[in-house]
Protein backbone atom coordinates (compact mmCIF):
# COMPACT_ATOMS: atom_id res chain seq x y z
CA MET A 1 23.04 33.50 24.59
CA VAL A 2 26.07 34.49 22.04
CA TRP A 3 25.94 31.35 19.89
CA GLN A 4 22.20 32.27 19.48
CA ILE A 5 23.52 35.88 18.12
CA MET A 6 26.22 34.29 15.75
CA LYS A 7 24.74 31.55 14.57
CA LEU A 8 22.14 34.01 13.61
CA LEU A 9 24.97 36.05 11.96
CA PHE A 10 25.87 32.79 10.31
CA TRP A 11 22.81 31.83 8.88
CA PHE A 12 21.93 35.98 7.59
CA SER A 13 25.31 36.22 5.92
CA LEU A 14 24.48 32.39 4.43
CA GLY A 15 21.57 33.27 3.03
CA PHE A 16 21.97 37.07 1.83
CA ILE A 17 25.53 35.77 -0.17
CA SER A 18 23.54 33.23 -1.31
CA TYR A 19 20.25 34.81 -2.00
CA THR A 20 23.30 37.80 -4.11
CA TYR A 21 24.11 34.64 -6.45
CA ALA A 22 21.79 32.41 -6.78
CA GLY A 23 18.20 33.04 -5.33
CA TYR A 24 17.95 36.43 -6.81
CA PRO A 25 18.94 34.93 -10.37
CA ILE A 26 16.50 32.15 -10.10
CA LEU A 27 13.78 34.23 -9.08
CA LEU A 28 14.39 36.10 -12.54
CA TRP A 29 14.14 33.01 -14.47
CA PHE A 30 10.76 32.26 -12.98
CA LEU A 31 9.21 35.92 -13.47
CA SER A 32 10.90 35.84 -16.59
CA ARG A 33 8.76 32.69 -18.27
CA PHE A 34 5.91 33.09 -15.91
CA ALA A 35 5.40 37.40 -15.53
CA ILE A 36 6.18 38.10 -19.26
CA LYS A 37 6.22 42.17 -20.13
CA GLU A 38 5.43 42.32 -24.08
CA VAL A 39 7.93 44.75 -26.16
CA HIS A 40 5.98 46.26 -29.30
CA LYS A 41 8.70 46.62 -31.39
CA GLN A 42 8.42 48.08 -35.03
CA SER A 43 10.75 49.68 -37.63
CA ILE A 44 10.51 53.16 -36.46
CA THR A 45 13.36 55.89 -38.32
CA PRO A 46 13.38 58.74 -35.86
CA SER A 47 15.90 61.43 -35.33
CA VAL A 48 19.36 59.98 -33.58
CA SER A 49 22.15 62.02 -32.25
CA VAL A 50 24.74 60.06 -31.65
CA VAL A 51 26.50 61.55 -28.19
CA MET A 52 30.19 60.16 -27.71
CA SER A 53 32.42 61.71 -25.16
CA ALA A 54 36.38 62.03 -25.97
CA LEU A 55 39.79 62.32 -24.38
CA ASN A 56 43.43 62.13 -26.75
CA GLU A 57 41.66 59.18 -28.78
CA GLU A 58 43.49 61.24 -32.17
CA ASP A 59 44.20 57.31 -32.70
CA ARG A 60 40.96 55.55 -32.66
CA ILE A 61 38.45 58.35 -33.32
CA GLY A 62 38.34 58.33 -37.10
CA ALA A 63 37.60 54.89 -37.06
CA ARG A 64 35.21 55.22 -34.44
CA ILE A 65 33.24 57.33 -36.86
CA ASP A 66 33.75 55.64 -39.47
CA ASN A 67 31.13 52.85 -38.01
CA LEU A 68 29.17 54.72 -36.78
CA LEU A 69 28.46 56.34 -40.07
CA ALA A 70 27.89 52.82 -42.10
CA GLN A 71 25.32 52.27 -39.41
CA GLN A 72 22.77 50.43 -41.65
CA TYR A 73 19.82 53.90 -40.62
CA PRO A 74 19.00 56.65 -42.59
CA ALA A 75 22.18 59.09 -42.55
CA GLU A 76 19.78 61.94 -42.88
CA ASN A 77 18.49 61.32 -39.24
CA LEU A 78 21.58 60.38 -38.25
CA GLU A 79 23.71 63.04 -36.60
CA ILE A 80 27.29 62.24 -34.21
CA ILE A 81 28.41 64.27 -31.78
CA VAL A 82 32.09 64.47 -30.25
CA VAL A 83 32.76 66.41 -27.30
CA SER A 84 36.52 66.30 -26.51
CA ASP A 85 37.10 66.88 -23.01
CA GLY A 86 40.09 68.89 -23.20
CA SER A 87 42.27 66.82 -25.29
CA THR A 88 45.72 67.85 -26.10
CA ASP A 89 46.18 65.89 -29.08
CA ARG A 90 44.32 66.03 -32.58
CA THR A 91 41.61 64.47 -31.72
CA GLY A 92 39.67 68.06 -32.71
CA GLU A 93 41.59 67.65 -35.70
CA VAL A 94 40.60 65.00 -37.12
CA VAL A 95 36.85 65.31 -35.59
CA ARG A 96 36.77 68.19 -38.04
CA THR A 97 37.73 66.25 -40.99
CA TYR A 98 34.11 64.61 -40.92
CA SER A 99 32.13 68.19 -40.39
CA ASP A 100 30.82 67.46 -43.84
CA ARG A 101 28.92 64.17 -42.84
CA ASN A 102 26.61 65.81 -39.80
CA VAL A 103 29.20 65.25 -37.34
CA ARG A 104 29.73 68.15 -34.97
CA LEU A 105 33.07 69.03 -32.82
CA LEU A 106 32.45 70.28 -29.10
CA GLU A 107 35.02 71.35 -27.35
CA LEU A 108 35.95 71.80 -23.75
CA SER A 109 38.98 74.12 -22.98
CA GLU A 110 39.88 71.84 -19.63
CA ARG A 111 39.24 68.46 -18.41
CA GLY A 112 35.84 67.57 -17.31
CA GLY A 113 34.52 64.45 -16.77
CA LYS A 114 32.76 61.81 -19.33
CA ALA A 115 29.52 63.07 -17.02
CA ILE A 116 30.32 67.05 -18.06
CA ALA A 117 30.80 66.71 -21.65
CA VAL A 118 27.63 64.11 -22.35
CA ASN A 119 25.55 66.88 -20.07
CA LEU A 120 27.11 69.32 -22.69
CA GLY A 121 26.51 66.51 -25.77
CA VAL A 122 23.32 66.12 -25.07
CA ALA A 123 22.15 69.62 -24.57
CA GLU A 124 23.64 70.56 -27.83
CA ALA A 125 21.38 67.38 -29.88
CA ARG A 126 18.93 67.65 -31.96
CA GLY A 127 17.69 63.94 -31.87
CA GLU A 128 14.29 62.68 -31.01
CA ILE A 129 17.06 59.62 -29.42
CA ILE A 130 19.69 59.87 -27.86
CA VAL A 131 22.29 56.97 -28.15
CA PHE A 132 25.36 56.64 -25.23
CA THR A 133 28.66 55.22 -26.90
CA ASP A 134 32.61 55.91 -25.76
CA ALA A 135 35.85 56.01 -28.44
CA ARG A 136 37.25 52.47 -27.82
CA GLN A 137 33.80 49.92 -29.18
CA GLU A 138 32.71 49.40 -32.39
CA PHE A 139 29.15 48.73 -33.22
CA ARG A 140 27.62 46.03 -35.34
CA LEU A 141 25.78 47.98 -38.43
CA ASP A 142 22.77 46.93 -37.04
CA ALA A 143 22.96 48.33 -33.49
CA ILE A 144 21.21 51.47 -34.02
CA THR A 145 18.45 50.32 -35.57
CA ASN A 146 18.29 47.20 -33.19
CA LEU A 147 18.04 49.84 -29.90
CA VAL A 148 15.29 52.45 -31.65
CA ALA A 149 13.04 49.60 -32.82
CA ASN A 150 12.06 49.41 -29.18
CA PHE A 151 11.09 53.03 -29.04
CA ALA A 152 7.60 52.09 -30.70
CA ASP A 153 6.43 51.30 -27.74
CA GLY A 154 5.57 54.31 -25.49
CA SER A 155 6.52 52.67 -22.16
CA VAL A 156 9.86 52.48 -22.98
CA GLY A 157 11.95 54.85 -21.60
CA CYS A 158 15.85 53.54 -22.23
CA VAL A 159 17.15 50.47 -24.36
CA SER A 160 20.40 48.99 -23.61
CA GLY A 161 22.79 46.84 -25.94
CA GLU A 162 24.95 43.99 -25.21
CA LEU A 163 28.42 44.26 -24.64
CA HIS A 164 30.43 41.67 -27.07
CA PHE A 165 33.88 40.78 -25.75
CA LEU A 166 36.50 39.99 -28.69
CA GLU A 167 38.96 37.50 -27.94
CA ASP A 168 42.08 37.77 -27.20
CA PRO A 169 44.99 34.78 -26.95
CA GLU A 170 47.06 37.70 -24.71
CA SER A 171 44.25 37.41 -22.18
CA LYS A 172 45.06 35.20 -18.75
CA ILE A 173 40.97 35.53 -17.23
CA GLU A 174 39.07 35.06 -21.02
CA VAL A 175 37.20 32.30 -19.13
CA GLU A 176 36.88 33.49 -16.33
CA MET A 177 34.96 37.04 -17.51
CA GLY A 178 33.57 35.07 -20.29
CA ALA A 179 31.59 33.31 -17.58
CA TYR A 180 31.00 36.36 -15.57
CA TRP A 181 29.16 38.56 -18.84
CA LYS A 182 26.87 35.26 -19.20
CA TYR A 183 25.70 35.39 -15.95
CA GLU A 184 25.38 39.16 -15.50
CA LYS A 185 23.76 39.29 -19.11
CA PHE A 186 21.34 36.20 -18.38
CA ILE A 187 19.86 38.89 -15.38
CA ARG A 188 19.84 41.82 -17.66
CA ARG A 189 17.90 39.87 -19.96
CA SER A 190 15.32 38.45 -17.67
CA GLU A 191 15.22 41.69 -15.17
CA SER A 192 14.43 43.32 -19.19
CA ALA A 193 11.60 40.61 -20.15
CA SER A 194 10.22 40.71 -16.96
CA GLY A 195 10.40 44.61 -16.20
CA SER A 196 12.98 46.76 -16.33
CA VAL A 197 16.82 46.37 -16.01
CA VAL A 198 18.87 47.99 -13.28
CA GLY A 199 21.33 50.40 -15.43
CA ALA A 200 22.87 49.69 -18.98
CA THR A 201 25.44 48.53 -21.09
CA GLY A 202 27.82 52.52 -20.84
CA CYS A 203 29.27 51.92 -24.58
CA ILE A 204 25.93 50.94 -25.79
CA TYR A 205 22.87 52.97 -24.71
CA ALA A 206 20.00 54.70 -25.68
CA ILE A 207 17.20 56.63 -24.46
CA ARG A 208 14.22 59.24 -25.10
CA ARG A 209 15.85 63.07 -25.54
CA ASP A 210 13.14 64.44 -23.15
CA LEU A 211 13.90 61.72 -20.54
CA TYR A 212 17.38 62.87 -19.90
CA GLN A 213 18.48 64.71 -16.62
CA PRO A 214 21.68 66.70 -16.52
CA LEU A 215 24.77 64.01 -14.21
CA PRO A 216 26.24 65.99 -11.49
CA ALA A 217 29.62 66.48 -12.21
CA GLY A 218 31.86 63.85 -11.31
CA THR A 219 29.39 60.60 -11.96
CA ILE A 220 31.18 57.61 -12.69
CA LEU A 221 28.34 55.71 -13.58
CA ASP A 222 26.26 57.82 -15.83
CA ASP A 223 25.43 54.36 -17.57
CA VAL A 224 22.89 53.38 -14.17
CA LEU A 225 21.84 57.01 -12.87
CA THR A 226 20.61 57.86 -16.15
CA PRO A 227 18.31 54.49 -16.22
CA MET A 228 17.74 55.00 -13.20
CA ASN A 229 16.82 58.41 -13.44
CA ILE A 230 13.97 57.09 -16.47
CA ALA A 231 12.73 54.08 -14.28
CA ARG A 232 11.97 56.84 -11.60
CA LYS A 233 9.81 58.38 -14.07
CA ARG A 234 7.64 54.89 -14.99
CA LYS A 235 9.41 54.24 -18.16
CA ARG A 236 10.85 51.16 -18.45
CA VAL A 237 14.68 50.07 -19.25
CA LEU A 238 15.19 46.97 -21.48
CA PHE A 239 18.20 45.44 -22.79
CA GLU A 240 18.79 44.78 -26.35
CA SER A 241 20.80 41.79 -27.10
CA GLN A 242 21.00 42.41 -31.14
CA ALA A 243 22.19 45.88 -30.29
CA VAL A 244 26.10 44.74 -29.84
CA ALA A 245 28.86 46.68 -29.39
CA PHE A 246 32.19 44.86 -29.50
CA ASP A 247 35.26 45.26 -27.43
CA ILE A 248 39.06 43.45 -26.01
CA ILE A 249 38.54 41.84 -23.11
CA SER A 250 40.54 42.52 -20.18
CA LYS A 251 44.16 41.46 -20.14
CA ASP A 252 44.79 39.90 -16.59
CA ALA A 253 42.99 40.38 -13.36
CA ALA A 254 45.19 43.52 -12.46
CA GLN A 255 43.71 44.93 -15.42
CA GLU A 256 40.37 43.89 -14.47
CA TRP A 257 40.79 45.21 -11.15
CA ARG A 258 41.38 48.76 -11.47
CA ARG A 259 38.43 48.60 -13.58
CA LYS A 260 35.90 46.98 -11.16
CA VAL A 261 37.68 49.26 -8.63
CA ARG A 262 36.45 52.16 -10.26
CA THR A 263 33.06 50.86 -11.54
CA LEU A 264 32.18 49.52 -7.81
CA ALA A 265 33.02 53.27 -6.39
CA GLY A 266 30.30 54.62 -8.63
CA ASN A 267 28.19 52.33 -7.61
CA TRP A 268 29.20 53.20 -3.79
CA GLN A 269 28.52 57.03 -4.77
CA LEU A 270 25.42 56.81 -6.07
CA LEU A 271 24.14 56.32 -2.80
CA SER A 272 25.04 59.57 -2.01
CA LEU A 273 24.33 61.48 -5.45
CA ALA A 274 20.86 59.60 -5.49
CA PRO A 275 20.08 58.54 -2.45
CA TRP A 276 16.19 58.27 -3.44
CA ILE A 277 17.22 54.67 -4.83
CA LEU A 278 17.08 53.17 -1.30
CA LEU A 279 13.72 54.53 -0.70
CA PRO A 280 10.89 52.23 -1.91
CA TRP A 281 8.32 54.60 -2.25
CA VAL A 282 10.23 56.16 -4.46
CA ASN A 283 12.32 53.87 -6.74
CA PRO A 284 9.79 51.09 -8.09
CA LEU A 285 12.81 49.23 -9.29
CA TRP A 286 14.21 49.25 -5.19
CA CYS A 287 13.68 45.29 -5.32
CA ARG A 288 15.98 44.67 -8.13
CA TYR A 289 18.33 47.49 -7.22
CA VAL A 290 19.35 46.07 -4.01
CA SER A 291 18.84 42.33 -5.09
CA HIS A 292 21.50 43.48 -8.37
CA LYS A 293 23.73 45.83 -7.14
CA LEU A 294 23.34 46.90 -3.27
CA LEU A 295 24.10 42.84 -1.81
CA ARG A 296 26.86 42.55 -4.12
CA LEU A 297 28.44 45.61 -2.63
CA LEU A 298 27.75 44.41 0.27
CA VAL A 299 28.52 40.45 -0.03
CA PRO A 300 32.91 40.70 0.83
CA PHE A 301 31.15 41.77 4.25
CA GLY A 302 29.21 39.39 4.82
CA MET A 303 32.07 36.77 3.43
CA VAL A 304 34.07 37.70 6.35
CA VAL A 305 30.77 37.78 8.79
CA LEU A 306 30.59 34.33 7.83
CA PHE A 307 34.57 33.08 8.02
CA VAL A 308 34.91 34.40 11.35
CA VAL A 309 31.63 32.57 12.89
CA SER A 310 31.69 29.79 11.39
CA LEU A 311 35.24 29.41 13.11
CA LEU A 312 34.19 30.41 16.51
CA LEU A 313 31.01 28.35 16.80
CA PRO A 314 31.00 24.87 18.10
CA GLY A 315 29.82 21.27 16.51
CA SER A 316 31.68 19.72 13.08
CA PHE A 317 28.46 21.52 10.90
CA PHE A 318 30.61 24.76 11.47
CA ARG A 319 34.14 23.30 11.57
CA VAL A 320 33.40 21.90 8.52
CA PHE A 321 32.11 25.04 6.91
CA ALA A 322 35.17 26.85 8.13
CA LEU A 323 37.59 24.40 6.35
CA ILE A 324 35.87 24.92 3.29
CA GLN A 325 36.02 28.26 3.33
CA PHE A 326 39.91 28.06 4.83
CA VAL A 327 40.53 26.24 1.26
CA PHE A 328 38.83 27.94 -1.07
CA TYR A 329 40.71 31.16 0.44
CA GLY A 330 43.84 29.44 0.24
CA ILE A 331 43.46 29.05 -3.23
CA ALA A 332 42.72 32.19 -4.00
CA LEU A 333 45.57 33.61 -1.76
CA ALA A 334 47.95 30.63 -3.69
CA GLY A 335 47.29 32.49 -6.73
CA PHE A 336 47.98 35.53 -5.63
CA LEU A 337 51.51 34.35 -4.20
CA LEU A 338 51.81 32.24 -7.09
CA PRO A 339 51.02 33.78 -10.70
CA ALA A 340 52.33 30.68 -12.55
CA SER A 341 49.63 28.85 -10.27
CA ARG A 342 46.37 30.35 -11.95
CA SER A 343 47.45 28.16 -14.43
CA LEU A 344 45.63 25.72 -12.84
CA ARG A 345 41.46 26.27 -13.91
CA LEU A 346 40.54 26.05 -10.32
CA VAL A 347 43.02 28.37 -9.34
CA ASN A 348 42.06 31.26 -11.66
CA LEU A 349 38.90 31.28 -10.86
CA SER A 350 38.71 31.50 -7.37
CA TYR A 351 41.95 33.64 -7.75
CA PHE A 352 39.33 36.21 -10.41
CA PHE A 353 36.44 35.48 -7.84
CA MET A 354 38.46 37.05 -4.72
CA VAL A 355 39.81 39.70 -6.81
CA MET A 356 35.99 40.76 -7.83
CA ASN A 357 35.31 40.70 -4.41
CA ALA A 358 38.18 43.08 -2.90
CA ALA A 359 37.60 45.14 -5.61
CA ALA A 360 34.24 46.21 -3.91
CA VAL A 361 36.01 46.72 -0.27
CA ALA A 362 38.91 48.99 -2.45
CA GLY A 363 35.45 50.93 -4.23
CA PHE A 364 34.16 51.14 -1.14
CA TRP A 365 37.51 53.36 0.12
CA MET A 366 38.16 54.85 -2.96
CA TRP A 367 34.02 56.20 -2.13
CA ALA A 368 34.55 56.54 1.48
CA THR A 369 37.93 58.65 0.82
CA GLY A 370 36.61 61.39 -1.54
CA GLY A 371 38.14 59.40 -4.31
CA CYS A 372 34.86 59.79 -6.44
CA ALA A 373 34.94 63.85 -6.14
CA THR A 374 35.27 65.94 -9.20
CA ALA A 375 36.12 69.82 -7.72
CA TRP A 376 35.65 72.03 -11.40
CA GLN A 377 33.33 73.43 -14.06
CA PRO A 378 35.48 73.29 -17.45
CA ALA A 379 34.70 76.07 -20.01
CA TYR A 380 32.86 74.99 -23.36
CA ARG A 381 34.45 76.13 -26.82
CA PRO A 382 32.25 77.03 -29.00
CA GLU A 383 33.22 75.19 -32.58
CA LYS A 384 33.82 77.57 -34.83
């Protein structure tokens, strides 16, 4: 009886790990080719408000605003709202120099977090379409035009753009990150073609203003919660590959670790902020959410179970399978203990994979121990 249970655990763990990384993408590939949902795009120019929160961004906020003002979109239909989230540098002063170009500054007297800043920006926005972005990235000049064209289709409520990483010769994980993003963008593209995407690219996405729901204070993943709220209203969430933002790739696994832990903690946080996401009769994207987001959070635990039962189960098949896992984890450990060994592609790939899965566990711990909480509600200081 014990061996039967362990065999069941083995096949279940292997099955859900395989489905998460391979089965779901294969399913999407078929859906995106044989169950296509067309989007009726047109060249339209509704009023647009770009909302951007900024904290101590005096060094780059000017260049970011210049990039937005250079967009190939009618200037009279475009406003830029910068919400200074308790900045203590010259961010506000720099933004004020653009006040005659339909750039508005909103200031929070103390730091409240991105969710509070975004809520304020949307509340003050005048545009029919809200475009969300960050201070760090740069848009291709036709980005807003390509985002907005999708809203000619009345079934569309949210449109995500695509993030392109610029080459950085100092990055030690450029190949691995590039492979990961190709994989991730394939999934998003396929989800979009067959219905809706689960989430958006945080630095470049747009929504219909009247569909926005204020974010709870401390929300980490506004780019998942907002699109999911819109999908709940039976509006499509699309991925537009022609709306491009540029960013710098992480320099090494340590930098990517910090970013990933926060992101994955945000995914756990969503389960407490919006428990309806787990209800299939409420969430129209339930299957996609579970397949794309939730199972990835559980894969590290499945890997532990798979390794342990492989070691314990009798038979040459399970022993060989345990040996394969042992070798893979040993290579990843070598990458951790001997950084110089990461110059070997196999070592770096194994190490990167394990770092990403370990980040899911660290993200869970961060969420479970209250690391996602934000307690204060800052005061809004209106621009005079």
